[in-house]
All heavy atoms as atom14 arrays in JSON, in Angstrom:
{
  "sequence": "SITRLEGTGEKALAVPTGQVEEVPCGLIFSSIGYK",
  "atom14_mask": [
    [1, 1, 1, 1, 1, 1, 0, 0, 0, 0, 0, 0, 0, 0],
    [1, 1, 1, 1, 1, 1, 1, 1, 0, 0, 0, 0, 0, 0],
    [1, 1, 1, 1, 1, 1, 1, 0, 0, 0, 0, 0, 0, 0],
    [1, 1, 1, 1, 1, 1, 1, 1, 1, 1, 1, 0, 0, 0],
    [1, 1, 1, 1, 1, 1, 1, 1, 0, 0, 0, 0, 0, 0],
    [1, 1, 1, 1, 1, 1, 1, 1, 1, 0, 0, 0, 0, 0],
    [1, 1, 1, 1, 0, 0, 0, 0, 0, 0, 0, 0, 0, 0],
    [1, 1, 1, 1, 1, 1, 1, 0, 0, 0, 0, 0, 0, 0],
    [1, 1, 1, 1, 0, 0, 0, 0, 0, 0, 0, 0, 0, 0],
    [1, 1, 1, 1, 1, 1, 1, 1, 1, 0, 0, 0, 0, 0],
    [1, 1, 1, 1, 1, 1, 1, 1, 1, 0, 0, 0, 0, 0],
    [1, 1, 1, 1, 1, 0, 0, 0, 0, 0, 0, 0, 0, 0],
    [1, 1, 1, 1, 1, 1, 1, 1, 0, 0, 0, 0, 0, 0],
    [1, 1, 1, 1, 1, 0, 0, 0, 0, 0, 0, 0, 0, 0],
    [1, 1, 1, 1, 1, 1, 1, 0, 0, 0, 0, 0, 0, 0],
    [1, 1, 1, 1, 1, 1, 1, 0, 0, 0, 0, 0, 0, 0],
    [1, 1, 1, 1, 1, 1, 1, 0, 0, 0, 0, 0, 0, 0],
    [1, 1, 1, 1, 0, 0, 0, 0, 0, 0, 0, 0, 0, 0],
    [1, 1, 1, 1, 1, 1, 1, 1, 1, 0, 0, 0, 0, 0],
    [1, 1, 1, 1, 1, 1, 1, 0, 0, 0, 0, 0, 0, 0],
    [1, 1, 1, 1, 1, 1, 1, 1, 1, 0, 0, 0, 0, 0],
    [1, 1, 1, 1, 1, 1, 1, 1, 1, 0, 0, 0, 0, 0],
    [1, 1, 1, 1, 1, 1, 1, 0, 0, 0, 0, 0, 0, 0],
    [1, 1, 1, 1, 1, 1, 1, 0, 0, 0, 0, 0, 0, 0],
    [1, 1, 1, 1, 1, 1, 0, 0, 0, 0, 0, 0, 0, 0],
    [1, 1, 1, 1, 0, 0, 0, 0, 0, 0, 0, 0, 0, 0],
    [1, 1, 1, 1, 1, 1, 1, 1, 0, 0, 0, 0, 0, 0],
    [1, 1, 1, 1, 1, 1, 1, 1, 0, 0, 0, 0, 0, 0],
    [1, 1, 1, 1, 1, 1, 1, 1, 1, 1, 1, 0, 0, 0],
    [1, 1, 1, 1, 1, 1, 0, 0, 0, 0, 0, 0, 0, 0],
    [1, 1, 1, 1, 1, 1, 0, 0, 0, 0, 0, 0, 0, 0],
    [1, 1, 1, 1, 1, 1, 1, 1, 0, 0, 0, 0, 0, 0],
    [1, 1, 1, 1, 0, 0, 0, 0, 0, 0, 0, 0, 0, 0],
    [1, 1, 1, 1, 1, 1, 1, 1, 1, 1, 1, 1, 0, 0],
    [1, 1, 1, 1, 1, 1, 1, 1, 1, 0, 0, 0, 0, 0]
  ],
  "atom14_positions": [
    [[210.35, 55.07, 193.07], [211.51, 55.53, 192.32], [211.25, 55.21, 190.84], [210.98, 54.09, 190.52], [212.79, 54.91, 192.82], [213.85, 55.16, 191.9], [0.0, 0.0, 0.0], [0.0, 0.0, 0.0], [0.0, 0.0, 0.0], [0.0, 0.0, 0.0], [0.0, 0.0, 0.0], [0.0, 0.0, 0.0], [0.0, 0.0, 0.0], [0.0, 0.0, 0.0]],
    [[211.31, 56.25, 189.97], [211.18, 55.93, 188.52], [212.47, 55.42, 187.99], [213.6, 55.95, 188.27], [210.82, 57.24, 187.81], [209.48, 57.75, 188.38], [210.66, 57.01, 186.27], [209.0, 59.1, 187.83], [0.0, 0.0, 0.0], [0.0, 0.0, 0.0], [0.0, 0.0, 0.0], [0.0, 0.0, 0.0], [0.0, 0.0, 0.0], [0.0, 0.0, 0.0]],
    [[212.42, 54.31, 187.21], [213.62, 53.62, 186.78], [213.69, 53.68, 185.25], [212.71, 54.08, 184.55], [213.57, 52.17, 187.17], [212.41, 51.47, 186.6], [213.52, 52.07, 188.72], [0.0, 0.0, 0.0], [0.0, 0.0, 0.0], [0.0, 0.0, 0.0], [0.0, 0.0, 0.0], [0.0, 0.0, 0.0], [0.0, 0.0, 0.0], [0.0, 0.0, 0.0]],
    [[214.8, 53.33, 184.67], [214.92, 53.07, 183.27], [215.65, 51.75, 183.06], [216.28, 51.22, 184.04], [215.77, 54.22, 182.65], [217.23, 54.34, 183.21], [217.97, 55.45, 182.52], [219.26, 55.66, 183.18], [220.35, 54.9, 182.93], [220.3, 53.93, 181.99], [221.49, 55.16, 183.58], [0.0, 0.0, 0.0], [0.0, 0.0, 0.0], [0.0, 0.0, 0.0]],
    [[215.55, 51.2, 181.93], [216.13, 49.89, 181.64], [217.5, 50.0, 180.98], [217.66, 50.77, 180.07], [215.2, 49.03, 180.74], [213.87, 48.58, 181.36], [213.14, 47.69, 180.36], [214.08, 47.91, 182.67], [0.0, 0.0, 0.0], [0.0, 0.0, 0.0], [0.0, 0.0, 0.0], [0.0, 0.0, 0.0], [0.0, 0.0, 0.0], [0.0, 0.0, 0.0]],
    [[218.34, 49.15, 181.48], [219.67, 48.92, 180.78], [219.7, 47.48, 180.34], [219.55, 46.59, 181.11], [220.8, 49.21, 181.78], [221.04, 50.66, 182.09], [222.34, 50.86, 182.91], [222.98, 49.87, 183.27], [222.64, 52.07, 183.19], [0.0, 0.0, 0.0], [0.0, 0.0, 0.0], [0.0, 0.0, 0.0], [0.0, 0.0, 0.0], [0.0, 0.0, 0.0]],
    [[219.86, 47.32, 179.03], [219.75, 45.99, 178.4], [218.39, 45.73, 177.91], [217.46, 46.56, 178.01], [0.0, 0.0, 0.0], [0.0, 0.0, 0.0], [0.0, 0.0, 0.0], [0.0, 0.0, 0.0], [0.0, 0.0, 0.0], [0.0, 0.0, 0.0], [0.0, 0.0, 0.0], [0.0, 0.0, 0.0], [0.0, 0.0, 0.0], [0.0, 0.0, 0.0]],
    [[218.19, 44.55, 177.39], [216.89, 44.14, 176.8], [216.48, 42.77, 177.33], [217.22, 42.04, 177.85], [216.95, 44.09, 175.28], [218.01, 43.17, 174.86], [217.29, 45.52, 174.73], [0.0, 0.0, 0.0], [0.0, 0.0, 0.0], [0.0, 0.0, 0.0], [0.0, 0.0, 0.0], [0.0, 0.0, 0.0], [0.0, 0.0, 0.0], [0.0, 0.0, 0.0]],
    [[215.22, 42.51, 177.08], [214.68, 41.13, 177.35], [214.74, 40.77, 178.84], [214.67, 41.68, 179.71], [0.0, 0.0, 0.0], [0.0, 0.0, 0.0], [0.0, 0.0, 0.0], [0.0, 0.0, 0.0], [0.0, 0.0, 0.0], [0.0, 0.0, 0.0], [0.0, 0.0, 0.0], [0.0, 0.0, 0.0], [0.0, 0.0, 0.0], [0.0, 0.0, 0.0]],
    [[214.88, 39.45, 179.14], [214.86, 39.0, 180.54], [216.0, 39.52, 181.35], [215.95, 39.59, 182.58], [214.85, 37.48, 180.51], [213.71, 36.81, 179.8], [212.41, 37.1, 180.5], [212.41, 37.33, 181.72], [211.37, 37.0, 179.87], [0.0, 0.0, 0.0], [0.0, 0.0, 0.0], [0.0, 0.0, 0.0], [0.0, 0.0, 0.0], [0.0, 0.0, 0.0]],
    [[217.1, 39.91, 180.69], [218.32, 40.33, 181.39], [218.36, 41.83, 181.65], [219.33, 42.38, 182.26], [219.56, 39.91, 180.62], [219.72, 38.41, 180.58], [221.0, 38.02, 179.84], [221.15, 36.51, 179.81], [222.48, 36.13, 179.09], [0.0, 0.0, 0.0], [0.0, 0.0, 0.0], [0.0, 0.0, 0.0], [0.0, 0.0, 0.0], [0.0, 0.0, 0.0]],
    [[217.32, 42.53, 181.22], [217.3, 44.0, 181.38], [217.28, 44.35, 182.88], [216.61, 43.74, 183.68], [216.07, 44.59, 180.74], [0.0, 0.0, 0.0], [0.0, 0.0, 0.0], [0.0, 0.0, 0.0], [0.0, 0.0, 0.0], [0.0, 0.0, 0.0], [0.0, 0.0, 0.0], [0.0, 0.0, 0.0], [0.0, 0.0, 0.0], [0.0, 0.0, 0.0]],
    [[218.07, 45.34, 183.27], [218.21, 45.84, 184.64], [217.47, 47.11, 184.8], [217.54, 48.02, 183.91], [219.63, 45.92, 185.04], [220.46, 44.65, 185.04], [221.95, 44.95, 185.38], [219.93, 43.63, 185.99], [0.0, 0.0, 0.0], [0.0, 0.0, 0.0], [0.0, 0.0, 0.0], [0.0, 0.0, 0.0], [0.0, 0.0, 0.0], [0.0, 0.0, 0.0]],
    [[216.81, 47.35, 185.94], [216.11, 48.6, 186.25], [217.05, 49.44, 187.02], [217.56, 49.03, 188.08], [214.87, 48.27, 187.1], [0.0, 0.0, 0.0], [0.0, 0.0, 0.0], [0.0, 0.0, 0.0], [0.0, 0.0, 0.0], [0.0, 0.0, 0.0], [0.0, 0.0, 0.0], [0.0, 0.0, 0.0], [0.0, 0.0, 0.0], [0.0, 0.0, 0.0]],
    [[217.33, 50.64, 186.49], [218.26, 51.59, 187.08], [217.55, 52.84, 187.52], [216.81, 53.43, 186.7], [219.4, 51.92, 186.09], [220.41, 52.88, 186.67], [220.16, 50.65, 185.67], [0.0, 0.0, 0.0], [0.0, 0.0, 0.0], [0.0, 0.0, 0.0], [0.0, 0.0, 0.0], [0.0, 0.0, 0.0], [0.0, 0.0, 0.0], [0.0, 0.0, 0.0]],
    [[217.76, 53.29, 188.77], [217.02, 54.57, 189.18], [217.45, 55.74, 188.3], [218.57, 55.9, 188.01], [217.47, 54.68, 190.63], [217.97, 53.35, 191.06], [218.5, 52.73, 189.84], [0.0, 0.0, 0.0], [0.0, 0.0, 0.0], [0.0, 0.0, 0.0], [0.0, 0.0, 0.0], [0.0, 0.0, 0.0], [0.0, 0.0, 0.0], [0.0, 0.0, 0.0]],
    [[216.43, 56.61, 188.09], [216.71, 57.8, 187.35], [216.91, 59.0, 188.25], [217.32, 60.09, 187.77], [215.58, 58.14, 186.41], [214.37, 58.38, 187.18], [215.34, 56.99, 185.4], [0.0, 0.0, 0.0], [0.0, 0.0, 0.0], [0.0, 0.0, 0.0], [0.0, 0.0, 0.0], [0.0, 0.0, 0.0], [0.0, 0.0, 0.0], [0.0, 0.0, 0.0]],
    [[216.61, 58.88, 189.54], [216.62, 60.01, 190.5], [215.31, 60.68, 190.61], [215.1, 61.48, 191.55], [0.0, 0.0, 0.0], [0.0, 0.0, 0.0], [0.0, 0.0, 0.0], [0.0, 0.0, 0.0], [0.0, 0.0, 0.0], [0.0, 0.0, 0.0], [0.0, 0.0, 0.0], [0.0, 0.0, 0.0], [0.0, 0.0, 0.0], [0.0, 0.0, 0.0]],
    [[214.34, 60.37, 189.75], [212.98, 60.91, 189.87], [212.12, 60.06, 190.74], [212.31, 58.81, 190.81], [212.36, 61.01, 188.48], [213.08, 62.01, 187.5], [212.37, 61.93, 186.11], [212.54, 61.02, 185.4], [211.67, 63.02, 185.84], [0.0, 0.0, 0.0], [0.0, 0.0, 0.0], [0.0, 0.0, 0.0], [0.0, 0.0, 0.0], [0.0, 0.0, 0.0]],
    [[211.14, 60.6, 191.34], [210.23, 59.84, 192.23], [208.8, 60.34, 191.9], [208.55, 61.34, 191.31], [210.52, 60.05, 193.72], [211.86, 59.5, 194.04], [210.36, 61.43, 194.1], [0.0, 0.0, 0.0], [0.0, 0.0, 0.0], [0.0, 0.0, 0.0], [0.0, 0.0, 0.0], [0.0, 0.0, 0.0], [0.0, 0.0, 0.0], [0.0, 0.0, 0.0]],
    [[207.84, 59.41, 192.31], [206.37, 59.74, 192.25], [205.73, 59.15, 193.44], [206.2, 58.15, 193.98], [205.84, 59.27, 190.89], [204.99, 58.17, 190.91], [204.43, 57.73, 189.56], [204.37, 58.54, 188.61], [204.04, 56.55, 189.5], [0.0, 0.0, 0.0], [0.0, 0.0, 0.0], [0.0, 0.0, 0.0], [0.0, 0.0, 0.0], [0.0, 0.0, 0.0]],
    [[204.69, 59.8, 193.85], [203.94, 59.3, 194.99], [202.52, 58.85, 194.59], [201.86, 59.6, 193.81], [203.88, 60.3, 196.08], [205.27, 60.66, 196.74], [205.26, 61.61, 197.84], [204.17, 62.19, 198.13], [206.28, 61.92, 198.46], [0.0, 0.0, 0.0], [0.0, 0.0, 0.0], [0.0, 0.0, 0.0], [0.0, 0.0, 0.0], [0.0, 0.0, 0.0]],
    [[202.04, 57.71, 195.11], [200.7, 57.22, 194.79], [199.93, 57.1, 196.09], [200.36, 56.32, 196.93], [200.8, 55.82, 194.08], [199.41, 55.31, 193.79], [201.65, 55.93, 192.79], [0.0, 0.0, 0.0], [0.0, 0.0, 0.0], [0.0, 0.0, 0.0], [0.0, 0.0, 0.0], [0.0, 0.0, 0.0], [0.0, 0.0, 0.0], [0.0, 0.0, 0.0]],
    [[198.84, 57.86, 196.22], [197.98, 57.7, 197.42], [197.32, 56.33, 197.41], [196.8, 55.9, 196.41], [196.96, 58.78, 197.29], [197.57, 59.72, 196.26], [198.35, 58.92, 195.35], [0.0, 0.0, 0.0], [0.0, 0.0, 0.0], [0.0, 0.0, 0.0], [0.0, 0.0, 0.0], [0.0, 0.0, 0.0], [0.0, 0.0, 0.0], [0.0, 0.0, 0.0]],
    [[197.35, 55.63, 198.52], [196.7, 54.36, 198.65], [196.74, 53.95, 200.14], [197.61, 54.27, 200.86], [197.38, 53.23, 197.82], [199.14, 53.05, 198.15], [0.0, 0.0, 0.0], [0.0, 0.0, 0.0], [0.0, 0.0, 0.0], [0.0, 0.0, 0.0], [0.0, 0.0, 0.0], [0.0, 0.0, 0.0], [0.0, 0.0, 0.0], [0.0, 0.0, 0.0]],
    [[195.72, 53.16, 200.54], [195.64, 52.7, 201.91], [195.87, 51.27, 202.06], [195.82, 50.78, 203.22], [0.0, 0.0, 0.0], [0.0, 0.0, 0.0], [0.0, 0.0, 0.0], [0.0, 0.0, 0.0], [0.0, 0.0, 0.0], [0.0, 0.0, 0.0], [0.0, 0.0, 0.0], [0.0, 0.0, 0.0], [0.0, 0.0, 0.0], [0.0, 0.0, 0.0]],
    [[196.14, 50.55, 200.94], [196.36, 49.12, 201.01], [197.47, 48.75, 200.07], [197.44, 49.13, 198.9], [195.03, 48.36, 200.59], [195.06, 46.89, 200.61], [195.19, 46.35, 201.99], [193.78, 46.35, 199.99], [0.0, 0.0, 0.0], [0.0, 0.0, 0.0], [0.0, 0.0, 0.0], [0.0, 0.0, 0.0], [0.0, 0.0, 0.0], [0.0, 0.0, 0.0]],
    [[198.49, 48.1, 200.62], [199.69, 47.78, 199.86], [200.05, 46.35, 200.02], [200.11, 45.87, 201.16], [200.9, 48.69, 200.25], [200.52, 50.16, 199.95], [202.11, 48.39, 199.48], [201.45, 51.16, 200.61], [0.0, 0.0, 0.0], [0.0, 0.0, 0.0], [0.0, 0.0, 0.0], [0.0, 0.0, 0.0], [0.0, 0.0, 0.0], [0.0, 0.0, 0.0]],
    [[200.28, 45.61, 198.94], [200.73, 44.23, 199.02], [202.18, 44.08, 198.4], [202.34, 44.6, 197.32], [199.75, 43.31, 198.28], [198.37, 43.25, 198.83], [197.36, 43.98, 198.29], [198.16, 42.47, 199.96], [196.08, 43.98, 198.83], [196.86, 42.45, 200.51], [195.82, 43.16, 199.97], [0.0, 0.0, 0.0], [0.0, 0.0, 0.0], [0.0, 0.0, 0.0]],
    [[202.97, 43.35, 199.08], [204.31, 43.08, 198.54], [204.24, 41.64, 197.94], [204.09, 40.64, 198.62], [205.36, 43.09, 199.69], [206.57, 42.58, 199.25], [0.0, 0.0, 0.0], [0.0, 0.0, 0.0], [0.0, 0.0, 0.0], [0.0, 0.0, 0.0], [0.0, 0.0, 0.0], [0.0, 0.0, 0.0], [0.0, 0.0, 0.0], [0.0, 0.0, 0.0]],
    [[204.34, 41.61, 196.63], [204.29, 40.31, 195.92], [205.61, 40.14, 195.11], [205.63, 40.05, 193.89], [203.08, 40.32, 194.95], [202.97, 39.07, 194.34], [0.0, 0.0, 0.0], [0.0, 0.0, 0.0], [0.0, 0.0, 0.0], [0.0, 0.0, 0.0], [0.0, 0.0, 0.0], [0.0, 0.0, 0.0], [0.0, 0.0, 0.0], [0.0, 0.0, 0.0]],
    [[206.7, 40.15, 195.9], [208.06, 40.04, 195.24], [208.7, 38.7, 195.46], [209.87, 38.56, 195.24], [208.94, 41.18, 195.83], [209.11, 41.07, 197.33], [208.39, 42.52, 195.43], [210.14, 42.05, 197.89], [0.0, 0.0, 0.0], [0.0, 0.0, 0.0], [0.0, 0.0, 0.0], [0.0, 0.0, 0.0], [0.0, 0.0, 0.0], [0.0, 0.0, 0.0]],
    [[207.9, 37.72, 195.86], [208.46, 36.34, 195.93], [208.52, 35.77, 197.31], [208.3, 36.48, 198.32], [0.0, 0.0, 0.0], [0.0, 0.0, 0.0], [0.0, 0.0, 0.0], [0.0, 0.0, 0.0], [0.0, 0.0, 0.0], [0.0, 0.0, 0.0], [0.0, 0.0, 0.0], [0.0, 0.0, 0.0], [0.0, 0.0, 0.0], [0.0, 0.0, 0.0]],
    [[208.87, 34.52, 197.36], [208.99, 33.79, 198.6], [210.37, 33.25, 198.76], [211.19, 33.32, 197.81], [208.01, 32.55, 198.59], [206.57, 32.89, 198.21], [206.12, 32.81, 196.95], [205.75, 33.37, 199.23], [204.8, 33.08, 196.6], [204.43, 33.71, 198.9], [203.95, 33.55, 197.54], [202.61, 33.84, 197.25], [0.0, 0.0, 0.0], [0.0, 0.0, 0.0]],
    [[210.66, 32.73, 199.89], [211.99, 32.11, 200.12], [211.88, 30.94, 201.05], [211.03, 30.88, 201.94], [213.01, 33.08, 200.58], [212.7, 33.7, 201.99], [213.8, 34.67, 202.38], [213.49, 35.34, 203.75], [214.56, 36.25, 204.11], [0.0, 0.0, 0.0], [0.0, 0.0, 0.0], [0.0, 0.0, 0.0], [0.0, 0.0, 0.0], [0.0, 0.0, 0.0]]
  ]
}
């Protein structure tokens, strides 16, 4: 999903624009953190 930023700096939020793009790939890693 293609996003746009609302706000600036560290507090900027990613907001969906409604547009999408597809990337061909056979290997995907999720590196969004631990808990």
